[in-house]
Amino acid sequence: MTITGVRGEERSDFTKQEGKRLRQRSLALLGSLLHPVRVRVYWTLVIVVISTAAQVAGPTLLALGIDQGLTQVVTNHNWLPAQLIVAAYVLTAITSASMMAIYMRSSAVISQSVLLDLRERVFAHTQNLSMSFHENYTSGRVIARQTSDIETLRELLDGGISNLFRGILLMTFTAAALIALDPSSAIPLLVALIPCYFLTRWFSDTSKKQFREARTFSARLIVQFVETMTGIRAVKAFRREERNEKSYALAVDDYREANRKVIRLFGTYDPGLKVIGVFTLAAVLILGSFRVANGAMDVGVLLAAVLYTRRFFEPMEELAMFYNSFQNASSALEKVSGMLEEQPSVTEPANPVHLAHPQGKLDFSHVRFGYNDSAVVLPDLDLHILAGQTIAVVGTTGAGKSTLAKLVARFYDPTSGTVSLDGIDLRELANADLRRAIVMVTQESYLFSGSVADNIGLGKPNATFDEVKQAAIAVGAHDFIMRLPEGYDTDVNKRGGRLSAGQRQLLSFARAFIADPTVLILDEATASLDIPSERLVQQGLQTLLADRTAIIIAHRLSTVSIADRVLVMEHGEIIEDGTPEELIEGTGKFASLHTAWRDSLA
């Protein structure tokens, strides 16, 4: 029992510490976002102070008008004091409204500046994170950070913060004015603060957990929706609609239940504040009535005391609504700040080595790598590739072929050992030189929305149209491009949906060709093509691979014939290494694979 209790306390301490760390991280992010607009923030605070002070002066002026101005009119027929008081009342009302209008516009500018900065930070940071992040952090979660979470922050900045500052100042100034006007009338108000404190404390502690749960379920909804729509072809192919509908319905129900708890929480807190406010107002009115009857209090002062008491509780409802936005925004800010806290696992060195004219010689020296500590993919790899040599890498699924390619492209760094280009460790190279020297073409051949020319030009952003055209001609893509409705200006549609798989792959080859890398990696670039498309692509490959170092991750052995050298991998190790002819004539793994492939074509 004792051990369990200690562990429970340790877990509680850990939870509190983690919660404190999350709040500090979120506040640090918010502070960094507000720092560039801090002058406007200070100026806006001054404006809202003036506006609130002018608003609070109203009941005091009413008390003066009744007790002094009206008395002067009745007893001395002197209208001047009443006129001055009325003029002051109108002036304070105009001042309060004018300042509030300026404040609202200024706060909108602050809000939009902060949101613009945050959106740019999230996009830039996410784009610069390493492949390890993107392969583990689903696209749906990234989209949720950029959309629903930032939208929640927008709601807070646009309306919530203005309600917070204005509410706190109004309550503070109102209480101060009531104490200055009639300290006895402030006693019920001060007593009412005790139940208000405990009610608000309960609301705060309970709502933190419930709002965090609501944001979590909201993110899960977005993730499931995005993944379903992204994989809609697989959904249709495997008749997953009904199953997806059921799982989505469960996610919606979880989100509904989380929101129901939040609504029920406000259903207790908001009426509780109103009940406390009503009893306090009644106490002030009853006690004040006795004092007026006894001549110890003026009628105008009683009216002002009632108005101040009522006004004191009005912002509490606004603060409750702010707390709704704040808790939502806090949960969102925790998630956004958590993603911004992610650090790239592959970083540019502090003092990078520049490689102006790479030759293309690659060396793996005692390279060990695993995507996690328990799964080592490459236990101890030694490999030397000469400049200008074309290497084909074959092997069963999970042998380490794609991992080898990712290390050369420096999507990952080895756990130990070195991968070097022309004798320079890739971790020491400047990113710009590395990306110019090494280009990777994957099986996906992703095309962005835009024209054919724009997609080819991605390989060289400042390329002329003639260069784009020559790249297409070189890889055999020009003819089919000219048959498109608008030639090179044809929009490829979303993800290149207008083109066939072979055509998309040829455009990706043209993109690589125009980039003119020293080292080219083809990661199963022809695996998804049919035979006619593969033959079309093979012609482009001959041109693409000329005069450069090439690594071909081969799924089909038909691409191996153009290689100078074949590597056969098994469990992260190279078990065979030789020319295609030598390995075919041998009795090893590659000879067996080649025989099986040849028989399948018979």
Foldseek 3Di string as FASTA:
>chain_A
DVVVVVVVVVVVVVVVVVVVVLLVLLVVLVCVLCVVVVVLVVVLLVLLLLLLLLVLCQLVLLLCLVPPQVVCCVPVVDNVVNVVSVVSNVVSNVSNVVSVVVSLVSLLVSLVSSLVVLLVLLVVLVVPAFPLCDVVPDPLLSVCLNPVLSVLVSVCSNPLVVLVSNLVSNLVSLLVVLCVLPVVLSVLVVVLVVVVVVLVVVLVVVVLVLLLQLSVLVSVLSRLVVVCVVVVVVCVVVVCVVVSVVVSVVSVVSNVVSVVVVVVSCVPSVVVLVVSLVVSLVVSLVVVVVCVVVVNDDPSSSSSSSVSSNSSSVSVNSNVVSVVSVSNNSSSSSSSSVSSPDDHQQDADPQADEDPDFQAKKWWAQFWADSDPVGTQARGETDTDDWLFEEEEEEDPSLCQVVVVCCLLPSDDTPDTAMDTPPHGPNRHGPVRSPLAEDEAEQLLWAAWFFLLCRLCVLPVPDDSVLLLVLLVLLVQQVVQVVDPVRRRDTCPHRSPVDDSLNSLSSSLSSLQSSPHQEYEYHQNCVPDDPVSVVSRLSSVVRSSGRHYYYYHHPACVNLQVGQKYFYGGSNYTPDIGHPVVVCPDDDDVVVVVVVNVVVVD
